[in-house]
């Protein structure tokens, strides 16, 4: 059985826990939530996190939708 980790995600004024396989990345979380990595920024505190970064158990992130247009 593979190990699982839990991450805490704040998105759209809602906070939830998400169980992910050990070794998952920020991109894996976005895809699991049905979000496009190119359309969202993930922050740890106030610092952007690369989508290739591996998650640690009980980490807390905030996801912000990127608005663009002209």
Foldseek 3Di string as FASTA:
>chain_A
DFDWAWEWEAEPNDIDIDIDTAFAFLLNVCVVVVHDPVFKFKDQPNHTDDRNDGDDHHGYIYIDGHDDDD
